[in-house]
Amino acid sequence: MNSEDIALYLKTHPEFFEEHADMIAGINIPHPHGGRTIPISERQILSLREKGKQLETKLREVIQYGEENDLVSRKIHDLSLALLRARDAGTVAQVALNHLRENFGVPRAVLRVWRGAAGAAAEFQPVSDATRAFAASLDEPRCGAEPAADTAALFGDGAPAQGSYACVPLRDGDAFGLLVLASDDPKRYYAGMGTLYLSRLGDLIGSALAAHLPPS
Protein backbone atom coordinates (compact mmCIF):
# COMPACT_ATOMS: atom_id res chain seq x y z
CA MET A 1 0.00 0.00 0.00
CA ASN A 2 1.41 3.38 -0.98
CA SER A 3 0.62 6.91 0.23
CA GLU A 4 -2.00 7.42 -2.50
CA ASP A 5 -3.85 4.30 -1.36
CA ILE A 6 -3.80 5.55 2.23
CA ALA A 7 -5.07 8.98 1.21
CA LEU A 8 -7.88 7.40 -0.82
CA TYR A 9 -8.83 5.15 2.08
CA LEU A 10 -9.00 8.07 4.55
CA LYS A 11 -11.04 10.11 2.07
CA THR A 12 -13.57 7.34 1.55
CA HIS A 13 -13.69 6.32 5.24
CA PRO A 14 -14.06 9.55 7.25
CA GLU A 15 -15.27 7.55 10.23
CA PHE A 16 -11.64 6.49 10.75
CA PHE A 17 -10.90 9.84 12.35
CA GLU A 18 -13.70 9.43 14.88
CA GLU A 19 -12.78 5.84 15.70
CA HIS A 20 -9.11 6.69 16.24
CA ALA A 21 -9.33 10.23 17.61
CA ASP A 22 -6.91 9.59 20.49
CA MET A 23 -4.28 8.14 18.22
CA ILE A 24 -4.54 11.00 15.75
CA ALA A 25 -4.23 13.55 18.55
CA GLY A 26 -0.88 12.01 19.51
CA ILE A 27 0.63 12.12 16.03
CA ASN A 28 3.17 14.87 15.37
CA ILE A 29 4.20 15.96 11.88
CA PRO A 30 6.97 18.30 10.64
CA HIS A 31 6.37 22.03 11.01
CA PRO A 32 5.86 23.59 7.54
CA HIS A 33 8.82 25.92 8.18
CA GLY A 34 11.03 23.24 9.71
CA GLY A 35 12.80 23.00 13.04
CA ARG A 36 10.30 20.95 15.01
CA THR A 37 7.24 18.72 14.90
CA ILE A 38 3.70 19.79 15.75
CA PRO A 39 0.34 18.06 16.26
CA ILE A 40 -1.84 17.53 13.22
CA SER A 41 -4.45 19.90 14.64
CA GLU A 42 -1.90 22.71 14.89
CA ARG A 43 -0.75 21.98 11.34
CA GLN A 44 -4.34 22.34 10.15
CA ILE A 45 -4.63 25.70 11.92
CA LEU A 46 -1.43 26.90 10.24
CA SER A 47 -2.77 25.79 6.85
CA LEU A 48 -6.01 27.68 7.43
CA ARG A 49 -4.06 30.80 8.42
CA GLU A 50 -1.96 30.59 5.26
CA LYS A 51 -5.07 30.20 3.12
CA GLY A 52 -6.64 33.14 4.93
CA LYS A 53 -3.61 35.31 4.17
CA GLN A 54 -3.74 34.31 0.50
CA LEU A 55 -7.43 35.20 0.32
CA GLU A 56 -6.75 38.57 1.99
CA THR A 57 -4.05 39.31 -0.59
CA LYS A 58 -6.36 38.42 -3.47
CA LEU A 59 -9.14 40.52 -1.96
CA ARG A 60 -6.83 43.53 -1.67
CA GLU A 61 -5.85 43.08 -5.32
CA VAL A 62 -9.50 42.90 -6.40
CA ILE A 63 -10.30 46.05 -4.40
CA GLN A 64 -7.30 47.86 -5.89
CA TYR A 65 -8.27 46.91 -9.45
CA GLY A 66 -11.85 47.97 -8.76
CA GLU A 67 -10.75 51.37 -7.46
CA GLU A 68 -8.46 51.88 -10.46
CA ASN A 69 -11.27 50.96 -12.86
CA ASP A 70 -13.67 53.31 -11.06
CA LEU A 71 -11.17 56.15 -11.42
CA VAL A 72 -10.72 55.51 -15.15
CA SER A 73 -14.51 55.27 -15.59
CA ARG A 74 -14.97 58.67 -13.91
CA LYS A 75 -12.34 60.22 -16.17
CA ILE A 76 -14.04 58.81 -19.26
CA HIS A 77 -17.37 60.10 -17.97
CA ASP A 78 -15.91 63.60 -17.54
CA LEU A 79 -14.42 63.43 -21.03
CA SER A 80 -17.79 62.34 -22.45
CA LEU A 81 -19.54 65.36 -20.93
CA ALA A 82 -16.87 67.73 -22.24
CA LEU A 83 -17.12 66.27 -25.75
CA LEU A 84 -20.90 66.67 -25.71
CA ARG A 85 -20.49 70.37 -24.96
CA ALA A 86 -18.10 70.94 -27.88
CA ARG A 87 -19.67 72.81 -30.79
CA ASP A 88 -17.20 72.06 -33.61
CA ALA A 89 -14.59 69.51 -34.63
CA GLY A 90 -11.68 71.74 -33.67
CA THR A 91 -12.99 72.10 -30.13
CA VAL A 92 -13.59 68.34 -29.91
CA ALA A 93 -9.96 67.72 -30.84
CA GLN A 94 -8.63 70.19 -28.27
CA VAL A 95 -10.93 68.90 -25.53
CA ALA A 96 -9.78 65.34 -26.18
CA LEU A 97 -6.09 66.23 -26.14
CA ASN A 98 -6.44 68.39 -23.02
CA HIS A 99 -8.21 65.62 -21.11
CA LEU A 100 -5.65 63.04 -22.17
CA ARG A 101 -2.84 65.24 -20.93
CA GLU A 102 -4.37 66.63 -17.74
CA ASN A 103 -6.70 63.86 -16.53
CA PHE A 104 -5.23 60.68 -18.00
CA GLY A 105 -1.58 61.65 -17.53
CA VAL A 106 -0.62 61.11 -21.17
CA PRO A 107 2.45 63.32 -21.75
CA ARG A 108 2.37 63.06 -25.54
CA ALA A 109 -0.69 62.67 -27.75
CA VAL A 110 -1.44 63.67 -31.32
CA LEU A 111 -4.68 63.45 -33.23
CA ARG A 112 -5.13 63.63 -36.98
CA VAL A 113 -8.36 63.84 -38.97
CA TRP A 114 -8.42 63.66 -42.77
CA ARG A 115 -12.14 63.76 -43.55
CA GLY A 116 -13.31 67.25 -44.35
CA ALA A 117 -11.53 70.57 -43.88
CA ALA A 118 -12.24 71.52 -40.30
CA GLY A 119 -9.64 74.26 -39.88
CA ALA A 120 -6.00 75.13 -40.01
CA ALA A 121 -5.10 73.44 -36.71
CA ALA A 122 -2.45 70.74 -36.75
CA GLU A 123 -5.09 68.10 -36.04
CA PHE A 124 -6.57 68.63 -39.51
CA GLN A 125 -3.41 68.89 -41.58
CA PRO A 126 -2.78 66.32 -44.32
CA VAL A 127 -1.21 62.99 -43.41
CA SER A 128 0.64 60.44 -45.51
CA ASP A 129 -1.02 57.62 -47.39
CA ALA A 130 0.88 55.24 -45.11
CA THR A 131 -0.79 56.72 -42.03
CA ARG A 132 -4.23 56.47 -43.62
CA ALA A 133 -3.66 52.89 -44.70
CA PHE A 134 -2.37 51.97 -41.25
CA ALA A 135 -5.44 53.46 -39.53
CA ALA A 136 -7.74 51.66 -41.97
CA SER A 137 -6.03 48.35 -41.12
CA LEU A 138 -6.72 48.62 -37.38
CA ASP A 139 -9.70 46.77 -35.97
CA GLU A 140 -8.62 47.72 -32.44
CA PRO A 141 -5.89 49.84 -30.83
CA ARG A 142 -2.33 48.73 -31.42
CA CYS A 143 0.30 49.05 -28.71
CA GLY A 144 4.03 48.45 -28.80
CA ALA A 145 7.54 49.83 -28.52
CA GLU A 146 7.88 50.64 -32.19
CA PRO A 147 5.84 53.37 -33.92
CA ALA A 148 3.79 52.01 -36.80
CA ALA A 149 4.01 53.38 -40.34
CA ASP A 150 5.26 56.97 -40.03
CA THR A 151 3.21 57.88 -36.95
CA ALA A 152 6.32 58.90 -34.96
CA ALA A 153 6.75 61.80 -37.41
CA LEU A 154 3.42 63.22 -36.23
CA PHE A 155 5.10 64.16 -32.93
CA GLY A 156 7.88 66.14 -34.60
CA ASP A 157 10.67 66.63 -32.06
CA GLY A 158 8.36 65.44 -29.26
CA ALA A 159 8.52 61.73 -30.10
CA PRO A 160 10.13 59.60 -27.38
CA ALA A 161 13.56 58.29 -28.35
CA GLN A 162 12.95 54.94 -26.66
CA GLY A 163 9.42 54.50 -25.42
CA SER A 164 6.09 53.02 -26.35
CA TYR A 165 3.11 53.93 -28.50
CA ALA A 166 -0.63 53.30 -28.60
CA CYS A 167 -2.41 53.89 -31.91
CA VAL A 168 -6.19 54.23 -31.75
CA PRO A 169 -8.25 54.40 -34.95
CA LEU A 170 -11.08 56.94 -35.17
CA ARG A 171 -13.97 55.45 -37.11
CA ASP A 172 -17.37 56.28 -38.41
CA GLY A 173 -17.74 53.16 -40.52
CA ASP A 174 -14.41 53.78 -42.27
CA ALA A 175 -11.37 55.17 -40.49
CA PHE A 176 -11.21 58.95 -40.84
CA GLY A 177 -8.62 59.74 -38.18
CA LEU A 178 -5.98 58.43 -35.82
CA LEU A 179 -5.14 59.09 -32.18
CA VAL A 180 -1.57 58.27 -31.19
CA LEU A 181 -0.36 58.25 -27.58
CA ALA A 182 3.33 58.07 -26.71
CA SER A 183 5.29 57.58 -23.51
CA ASP A 184 8.96 57.52 -22.53
CA ASP A 185 8.12 54.40 -20.50
CA PRO A 186 8.62 51.38 -22.80
CA LYS A 187 6.21 49.36 -20.63
CA ARG A 188 3.28 51.77 -20.63
CA TYR A 189 1.88 50.67 -24.00
CA TYR A 190 3.08 47.14 -24.61
CA ALA A 191 2.05 44.56 -27.19
CA GLY A 192 -0.65 42.28 -25.82
CA MET A 193 -1.94 44.69 -23.17
CA GLY A 194 -5.66 45.12 -22.63
CA THR A 195 -7.08 47.83 -24.86
CA LEU A 196 -10.68 48.08 -23.62
CA TYR A 197 -10.38 51.65 -22.36
CA LEU A 198 -8.32 52.73 -25.36
CA SER A 199 -11.08 51.39 -27.60
CA ARG A 200 -13.69 53.31 -25.63
CA LEU A 201 -11.64 56.49 -25.91
CA GLY A 202 -11.43 55.98 -29.66
CA ASP A 203 -15.18 55.38 -29.91
CA LEU A 204 -16.01 58.49 -27.87
CA ILE A 205 -13.62 60.85 -29.64
CA GLY A 206 -14.40 59.42 -33.05
CA SER A 207 -18.18 59.78 -32.56
CA ALA A 208 -17.82 63.31 -31.25
CA LEU A 209 -15.69 64.34 -34.23
CA ALA A 210 -17.94 62.60 -36.78
CA ALA A 211 -20.90 64.65 -35.55
CA HIS A 212 -19.15 67.80 -36.82
CA LEU A 213 -17.61 66.43 -40.03
CA PRO A 214 -19.17 65.94 -43.46
CA PRO A 215 -20.39 62.39 -44.12
CA SER A 216 -17.99 59.95 -45.69
C-alpha atoms as a PDB file:
ATOM      1  CA  MET A   1       0.000   0.000   0.000  1.00  0.00           C
ATOM      2  CA  ASN A   2       1.412   3.380  -0.985  1.00  0.00           C
ATOM      3  CA  SER A   3       0.623   6.906   0.229  1.00  0.00           C
ATOM      4  CA  GLU A   4      -1.995   7.423  -2.496  1.00  0.00           C
ATOM      5  CA  ASP A   5      -3.849   4.295  -1.356  1.00  0.00           C
ATOM      6  CA  ILE A   6      -3.799   5.549   2.234  1.00  0.00           C
ATOM      7  CA  ALA A   7      -5.071   8.984   1.207  1.00  0.00           C
ATOM      8  CA  LEU A   8      -7.877   7.400  -0.821  1.00  0.00           C
ATOM      9  CA  TYR A   9      -8.833   5.154   2.080  1.00  0.00           C
ATOM     10  CA  LEU A  10      -9.005   8.068   4.545  1.00  0.00           C
ATOM     11  CA  LYS A  11     -11.035  10.109   2.068  1.00  0.00           C
ATOM     12  CA  THR A  12     -13.574   7.344   1.546  1.00  0.00           C
ATOM     13  CA  HIS A  13     -13.690   6.316   5.239  1.00  0.00           C
ATOM     14  CA  PRO A  14     -14.065   9.551   7.253  1.00  0.00           C
ATOM     15  CA  GLU A  15     -15.268   7.545  10.228  1.00  0.00           C
ATOM     16  CA  PHE A  16     -11.645   6.490  10.751  1.00  0.00           C
ATOM     17  CA  PHE A  17     -10.898   9.842  12.351  1.00  0.00           C
ATOM     18  CA  GLU A  18     -13.701   9.427  14.880  1.00  0.00           C
ATOM     19  CA  GLU A  19     -12.776   5.842  15.698  1.00  0.00           C
ATOM     20  CA  HIS A  20      -9.106   6.694  16.244  1.00  0.00           C
ATOM     21  CA  ALA A  21      -9.329  10.233  17.608  1.00  0.00           C
ATOM     22  CA  ASP A  22      -6.909   9.587  20.495  1.00  0.00           C
ATOM     23  CA  MET A  23      -4.280   8.141  18.219  1.00  0.00           C
ATOM     24  CA  ILE A  24      -4.543  11.004  15.747  1.00  0.00           C
ATOM     25  CA  ALA A  25      -4.229  13.546  18.553  1.00  0.00           C
ATOM     26  CA  GLY A  26      -0.875  12.006  19.515  1.00  0.00           C
ATOM     27  CA  ILE A  27       0.633  12.118  16.025  1.00  0.00           C
ATOM     28  CA  ASN A  28       3.167  14.870  15.372  1.00  0.00           C
ATOM     29  CA  ILE A  29       4.198  15.961  11.882  1.00  0.00           C
ATOM     30  CA  PRO A  30       6.969  18.302  10.640  1.00  0.00           C
ATOM     31  CA  HIS A  31       6.374  22.029  11.010  1.00  0.00           C
ATOM     32  CA  PRO A  32       5.862  23.594   7.542  1.00  0.00           C
ATOM     33  CA  HIS A  33       8.821  25.924   8.184  1.00  0.00           C
ATOM     34  CA  GLY A  34      11.033  23.242   9.709  1.00  0.00           C
ATOM     35  CA  GLY A  35      12.796  22.999  13.037  1.00  0.00           C
ATOM     36  CA  ARG A  36      10.298  20.949  15.012  1.00  0.00           C
ATOM     37  CA  THR A  37       7.241  18.723  14.896  1.00  0.00           C
ATOM     38  CA  ILE A  38       3.704  19.793  15.755  1.00  0.00           C
ATOM     39  CA  PRO A  39       0.341  18.056  16.260  1.00  0.00           C
ATOM     40  CA  ILE A  40      -1.843  17.525  13.223  1.00  0.00           C
ATOM     41  CA  SER A  41      -4.453  19.904  14.643  1.00  0.00           C
ATOM     42  CA  GLU A  42      -1.895  22.714  14.891  1.00  0.00           C
ATOM     43  CA  ARG A  43      -0.747  21.983  11.345  1.00  0.00           C
ATOM     44  CA  GLN A  44      -4.344  22.344  10.145  1.00  0.00           C
ATOM     45  CA  ILE A  45      -4.631  25.696  11.924  1.00  0.00           C
ATOM     46  CA  LEU A  46      -1.426  26.901  10.237  1.00  0.00           C
ATOM     47  CA  SER A  47      -2.767  25.790   6.852  1.00  0.00           C
ATOM     48  CA  LEU A  48      -6.014  27.685   7.427  1.00  0.00           C
ATOM     49  CA  ARG A  49      -4.064  30.795   8.417  1.00  0.00           C
ATOM     50  CA  GLU A  50      -1.960  30.588   5.256  1.00  0.00           C
ATOM     51  CA  LYS A  51      -5.071  30.199   3.115  1.00  0.00           C
ATOM     52  CA  GLY A  52      -6.639  33.138   4.931  1.00  0.00           C
ATOM     53  CA  LYS A  53      -3.607  35.312   4.168  1.00  0.00           C
ATOM     54  CA  GLN A  54      -3.738  34.307   0.500  1.00  0.00           C
ATOM     55  CA  LEU A  55      -7.426  35.201   0.318  1.00  0.00           C
ATOM     56  CA  GLU A  56      -6.747  38.566   1.985  1.00  0.00           C
ATOM     57  CA  THR A  57      -4.045  39.308  -0.588  1.00  0.00           C
ATOM     58  CA  LYS A  58      -6.357  38.421  -3.466  1.00  0.00           C
ATOM     59  CA  LEU A  59      -9.139  40.519  -1.957  1.00  0.00           C
ATOM     60  CA  ARG A  60      -6.830  43.528  -1.671  1.00  0.00           C
ATOM     61  CA  GLU A  61      -5.851  43.078  -5.319  1.00  0.00           C
ATOM     62  CA  VAL A  62      -9.502  42.895  -6.397  1.00  0.00           C
ATOM     63  CA  ILE A  63     -10.305  46.052  -4.405  1.00  0.00           C
ATOM     64  CA  GLN A  64      -7.304  47.857  -5.895  1.00  0.00           C
ATOM     65  CA  TYR A  65      -8.267  46.907  -9.447  1.00  0.00           C
ATOM     66  CA  GLY A  66     -11.854  47.967  -8.759  1.00  0.00           C
ATOM     67  CA  GLU A  67     -10.748  51.370  -7.459  1.00  0.00           C
ATOM     68  CA  GLU A  68      -8.464  51.880 -10.459  1.00  0.00           C
ATOM     69  CA  ASN A  69     -11.272  50.962 -12.865  1.00  0.00           C
ATOM     70  CA  ASP A  70     -13.672  53.307 -11.059  1.00  0.00           C
ATOM     71  CA  LEU A  71     -11.169  56.147 -11.423  1.00  0.00           C
ATOM     72  CA  VAL A  72     -10.724  55.507 -15.155  1.00  0.00           C
ATOM     73  CA  SER A  73     -14.506  55.275 -15.593  1.00  0.00           C
ATOM     74  CA  ARG A  74     -14.972  58.667 -13.906  1.00  0.00           C
ATOM     75  CA  LYS A  75     -12.345  60.218 -16.171  1.00  0.00           C
ATOM     76  CA  ILE A  76     -14.040  58.808 -19.262  1.00  0.00           C
ATOM     77  CA  HIS A  77     -17.375  60.098 -17.967  1.00  0.00           C
ATOM     78  CA  ASP A  78     -15.909  63.602 -17.537  1.00  0.00           C
ATOM     79  CA  LEU A  79     -14.424  63.429 -21.031  1.00  0.00           C
ATOM     80  CA  SER A  80     -17.793  62.344 -22.455  1.00  0.00           C
ATOM     81  CA  LEU A  81     -19.543  65.362 -20.926  1.00  0.00           C
ATOM     82  CA  ALA A  82     -16.875  67.725 -22.239  1.00  0.00           C
ATOM     83  CA  LEU A  83     -17.122  66.267 -25.749  1.00  0.00           C
ATOM     84  CA  LEU A  84     -20.895  66.670 -25.714  1.00  0.00           C
ATOM     85  CA  ARG A  85     -20.491  70.375 -24.960  1.00  0.00           C
ATOM     86  CA  ALA A  86     -18.095  70.944 -27.882  1.00  0.00           C
ATOM     87  CA  ARG A  87     -19.672  72.811 -30.787  1.00  0.00           C
ATOM     88  CA  ASP A  88     -17.201  72.057 -33.612  1.00  0.00           C
ATOM     89  CA  ALA A  89     -14.592  69.508 -34.632  1.00  0.00           C
ATOM     90  CA  GLY A  90     -11.682  71.741 -33.671  1.00  0.00           C
ATOM     91  CA  THR A  91     -12.989  72.097 -30.130  1.00  0.00           C
ATOM     92  CA  VAL A  92     -13.594  68.344 -29.909  1.00  0.00           C
ATOM     93  CA  ALA A  93      -9.955  67.721 -30.840  1.00  0.00           C
ATOM     94  CA  GLN A  94      -8.630  70.190 -28.274  1.00  0.00           C
ATOM     95  CA  VAL A  95     -10.935  68.900 -25.528  1.00  0.00           C
ATOM     96  CA  ALA A  96      -9.782  65.338 -26.181  1.00  0.00           C
ATOM     97  CA  LEU A  97      -6.087  66.230 -26.145  1.00  0.00           C
ATOM     98  CA  ASN A  98      -6.435  68.389 -23.019  1.00  0.00           C
ATOM     99  CA  HIS A  99      -8.213  65.622 -21.106  1.00  0.00           C
ATOM    100  CA  LEU A 100      -5.649  63.042 -22.172  1.00  0.00           C
ATOM    101  CA  ARG A 101      -2.836  65.241 -20.932  1.00  0.00           C
ATOM    102  CA  GLU A 102      -4.366  66.632 -17.736  1.00  0.00           C
ATOM    103  CA  ASN A 103      -6.701  63.856 -16.534  1.00  0.00           C
ATOM    104  CA  PHE A 104      -5.230  60.684 -18.003  1.00  0.00           C
ATOM    105  CA  GLY A 105      -1.580  61.645 -17.532  1.00  0.00           C
ATOM    106  CA  VAL A 106      -0.623  61.115 -21.173  1.00  0.00           C
ATOM    107  CA  PRO A 107       2.450  63.317 -21.751  1.00  0.00           C
ATOM    108  CA  ARG A 108       2.368  63.058 -25.541  1.00  0.00           C
ATOM    109  CA  ALA A 109      -0.693  62.675 -27.745  1.00  0.00           C
ATOM    110  CA  VAL A 110      -1.440  63.669 -31.317  1.00  0.00           C
ATOM    111  CA  LEU A 111      -4.680  63.447 -33.231  1.00  0.00           C
ATOM    112  CA  ARG A 112      -5.128  63.625 -36.983  1.00  0.00           C
ATOM    113  CA  VAL A 113      -8.358  63.837 -38.973  1.00  0.00           C
ATOM    114  CA  TRP A 114      -8.418  63.659 -42.768  1.00  0.00           C
ATOM    115  CA  ARG A 115     -12.137  63.764 -43.551  1.00  0.00           C
ATOM    116  CA  GLY A 116     -13.309  67.247 -44.355  1.00  0.00           C
ATOM    117  CA  ALA A 117     -11.527  70.572 -43.879  1.00  0.00           C
ATOM    118  CA  ALA A 118     -12.238  71.520 -40.296  1.00  0.00           C
ATOM    119  CA  GLY A 119      -9.644  74.261 -39.875  1.00  0.00           C
ATOM    120  CA  ALA A 120      -5.995  75.134 -40.005  1.00  0.00           C
ATOM    121  CA  ALA A 121      -5.103  73.442 -36.710  1.00  0.00           C
ATOM    122  CA  ALA A 122      -2.448  70.745 -36.747  1.00  0.00           C
ATOM    123  CA  GLU A 123      -5.086  68.095 -36.045  1.00  0.00           C
ATOM    124  CA  PHE A 124      -6.574  68.632 -39.506  1.00  0.00           C
ATOM    125  CA  GLN A 125      -3.415  68.891 -41.576  1.00  0.00           C
ATOM    126  CA  PRO A 126      -2.779  66.320 -44.324  1.00  0.00           C
ATOM    127  CA  VAL A 127      -1.205  62.991 -43.408  1.00  0.00           C
ATOM    128  CA  SER A 128       0.636  60.443 -45.506  1.00  0.00           C
ATOM    129  CA  ASP A 129      -1.018  57.622 -47.393  1.00  0.00           C
ATOM    130  CA  ALA A 130       0.877  55.238 -45.115  1.00  0.00           C
ATOM    131  CA  THR A 131      -0.791  56.722 -42.032  1.00  0.00           C
ATOM    132  CA  ARG A 132      -4.226  56.471 -43.622  1.00  0.00           C
ATOM    133  CA  ALA A 133      -3.655  52.887 -44.702  1.00  0.00           C
ATOM    134  CA  PHE A 134      -2.366  51.974 -41.252  1.00  0.00           C
ATOM    135  CA  ALA A 135      -5.441  53.463 -39.531  1.00  0.00           C
ATOM    136  CA  ALA A 136      -7.745  51.659 -41.966  1.00  0.00           C
ATOM    137  CA  SER A 137      -6.028  48.352 -41.118  1.00  0.00           C
ATOM    138  CA  LEU A 138      -6.723  48.617 -37.384  1.00  0.00           C
ATOM    139  CA  ASP A 139      -9.704  46.768 -35.966  1.00  0.00           C
ATOM    140  CA  GLU A 140      -8.620  47.725 -32.441  1.00  0.00           C
ATOM    141  CA  PRO A 141      -5.894  49.845 -30.830  1.00  0.00           C
ATOM    142  CA  ARG A 142      -2.330  48.731 -31.417  1.00  0.00           C
ATOM    143  CA  CYS A 143       0.305  49.051 -28.708  1.00  0.00           C
ATOM    144  CA  GLY A 144       4.034  48.453 -28.798  1.00  0.00           C
ATOM    145  CA  ALA A 145       7.536  49.826 -28.516  1.00  0.00           C
ATOM    146  CA  GLU A 146       7.880  50.642 -32.195  1.00  0.00           C
ATOM    147  CA  PRO A 147       5.845  53.371 -33.920  1.00  0.00           C
ATOM    148  CA  ALA A 148       3.786  52.009 -36.803  1.00  0.00           C
ATOM    149  CA  ALA A 149       4.009  53.377 -40.335  1.00  0.00           C
ATOM    150  CA  ASP A 150       5.263  56.969 -40.030  1.00  0.00           C
ATOM    151  CA  THR A 151       3.210  57.877 -36.947  1.00  0.00           C
ATOM    152  CA  ALA A 152       6.315  58.905 -34.962  1.00  0.00           C
ATOM    153  CA  ALA A 153       6.750  61.795 -37.405  1.00  0.00           C
ATOM    154  CA  LEU A 154       3.418  63.221 -36.226  1.00  0.00           C
ATOM    155  CA  PHE A 155       5.100  64.164 -32.932  1.00  0.00           C
ATOM    156  CA  GLY A 156       7.885  66.144 -34.600  1.00  0.00           C
ATOM    157  CA  ASP A 157      10.673  66.629 -32.061  1.00  0.00           C
ATOM    158  CA  GLY A 158       8.363  65.439 -29.261  1.00  0.00           C
ATOM    159  CA  ALA A 159       8.515  61.732 -30.101  1.00  0.00           C
ATOM    160  CA  PRO A 160      10.131  59.601 -27.384  1.00  0.00           C
ATOM    161  CA  ALA A 161      13.561  58.286 -28.351  1.00  0.00           C
ATOM    162  CA  GLN A 162      12.952  54.943 -26.656  1.00  0.00           C
ATOM    163  CA  GLY A 163       9.416  54.504 -25.416  1.00  0.00           C
ATOM    164  CA  SER A 164       6.089  53.020 -26.350  1.00  0.00           C
ATOM    165  CA  TYR A 165       3.106  53.926 -28.501  1.00  0.00           C
ATOM    166  CA  ALA A 166      -0.628  53.304 -28.601  1.00  0.00           C
ATOM    167  CA  CYS A 167      -2.405  53.888 -31.914  1.00  0.00           C
ATOM    168  CA  VAL A 168      -6.188  54.226 -31.746  1.00  0.00           C
ATOM    169  CA  PRO A 169      -8.252  54.405 -34.954  1.00  0.00           C
ATOM    170  CA  LEU A 170     -11.081  56.945 -35.166  1.00  0.00           C
ATOM    171  CA  ARG A 171     -13.965  55.453 -37.111  1.00  0.00           C
ATOM    172  CA  ASP A 172     -17.365  56.275 -38.415  1.00  0.00           C
ATOM    173  CA  GLY A 173     -17.741  53.163 -40.520  1.00  0.00           C
ATOM    174  CA  ASP A 174     -14.409  53.776 -42.269  1.00  0.00           C
ATOM    175  CA  ALA A 175     -11.367  55.174 -40.485  1.00  0.00           C
ATOM    176  CA  PHE A 176     -11.211  58.955 -40.841  1.00  0.00           C
ATOM    177  CA  GLY A 177      -8.619  59.744 -38.176  1.00  0.00           C
ATOM    178  CA  LEU A 178      -5.985  58.425 -35.817  1.00  0.00           C
ATOM    179  CA  LEU A 179      -5.136  59.089 -32.179  1.00  0.00           C
ATOM    180  CA  VAL A 180      -1.565  58.272 -31.186  1.00  0.00           C
ATOM    181  CA  LEU A 181      -0.360  58.248 -27.578  1.00  0.00           C
ATOM    182  CA  ALA A 182       3.329  58.072 -26.711  1.00  0.00           C
ATOM    183  CA  SER A 183       5.287  57.576 -23.511  1.00  0.00           C
ATOM    184  CA  ASP A 184       8.958  57.521 -22.527  1.00  0.00           C
ATOM    185  CA  ASP A 185       8.123  54.404 -20.496  1.00  0.00           C
ATOM    186  CA  PRO A 186       8.617  51.379 -22.798  1.00  0.00           C
ATOM    187  CA  LYS A 187       6.214  49.364 -20.629  1.00  0.00           C
ATOM    188  CA  ARG A 188       3.278  51.768 -20.627  1.00  0.00           C
ATOM    189  CA  TYR A 189       1.880  50.674 -23.996  1.00  0.00           C
ATOM    190  CA  TYR A 190       3.085  47.143 -24.615  1.00  0.00           C
ATOM    191  CA  ALA A 191       2.050  44.560 -27.188  1.00  0.00           C
ATOM    192  CA  GLY A 192      -0.652  42.285 -25.819  1.00  0.00           C
ATOM    193  CA  MET A 193      -1.936  44.688 -23.167  1.00  0.00           C
ATOM    194  CA  GLY A 194      -5.663  45.121 -22.634  1.00  0.00           C
ATOM    195  CA  THR A 195      -7.084  47.834 -24.859  1.00  0.00           C
ATOM    196  CA  LEU A 196     -10.683  48.085 -23.620  1.00  0.00           C
ATOM    197  CA  TYR A 197     -10.383  51.652 -22.362  1.00  0.00           C
ATOM    198  CA  LEU A 198      -8.317  52.728 -25.362  1.00  0.00           C
ATOM    199  CA  SER A 199     -11.082  51.386 -27.602  1.00  0.00           C
ATOM    200  CA  ARG A 200     -13.689  53.310 -25.630  1.00  0.00           C
ATOM    201  CA  LEU A 201     -11.645  56.490 -25.911  1.00  0.00           C
ATOM    202  CA  GLY A 202     -11.430  55.978 -29.658  1.00  0.00           C
ATOM    203  CA  ASP A 203     -15.176  55.377 -29.912  1.00  0.00           C
ATOM    204  CA  LEU A 204     -16.007  58.493 -27.873  1.00  0.00           C
ATOM    205  CA  ILE A 205     -13.619  60.847 -29.640  1.00  0.00           C
ATOM    206  CA  GLY A 206     -14.404  59.416 -33.054  1.00  0.00           C
ATOM    207  CA  SER A 207     -18.175  59.776 -32.563  1.00  0.00           C
ATOM    208  CA  ALA A 208     -17.816  63.312 -31.247  1.00  0.00           C
ATOM    209  CA  LEU A 209     -15.687  64.337 -34.230  1.00  0.00           C
ATOM    210  CA  ALA A 210     -17.938  62.602 -36.778  1.00  0.00           C
ATOM    211  CA  ALA A 211     -20.899  64.650 -35.547  1.00  0.00           C
ATOM    212  CA  HIS A 212     -19.149  67.796 -36.816  1.00  0.00           C
ATOM    213  CA  LEU A 213     -17.612  66.433 -40.027  1.00  0.00           C
ATOM    214  CA  PRO A 214     -19.170  65.940 -43.460  1.00  0.00           C
ATOM    215  CA  PRO A 215     -20.387  62.393 -44.122  1.00  0.00           C
ATOM    216  CA  SER A 216     -17.985  59.948 -45.690  1.00  0.00           C
END
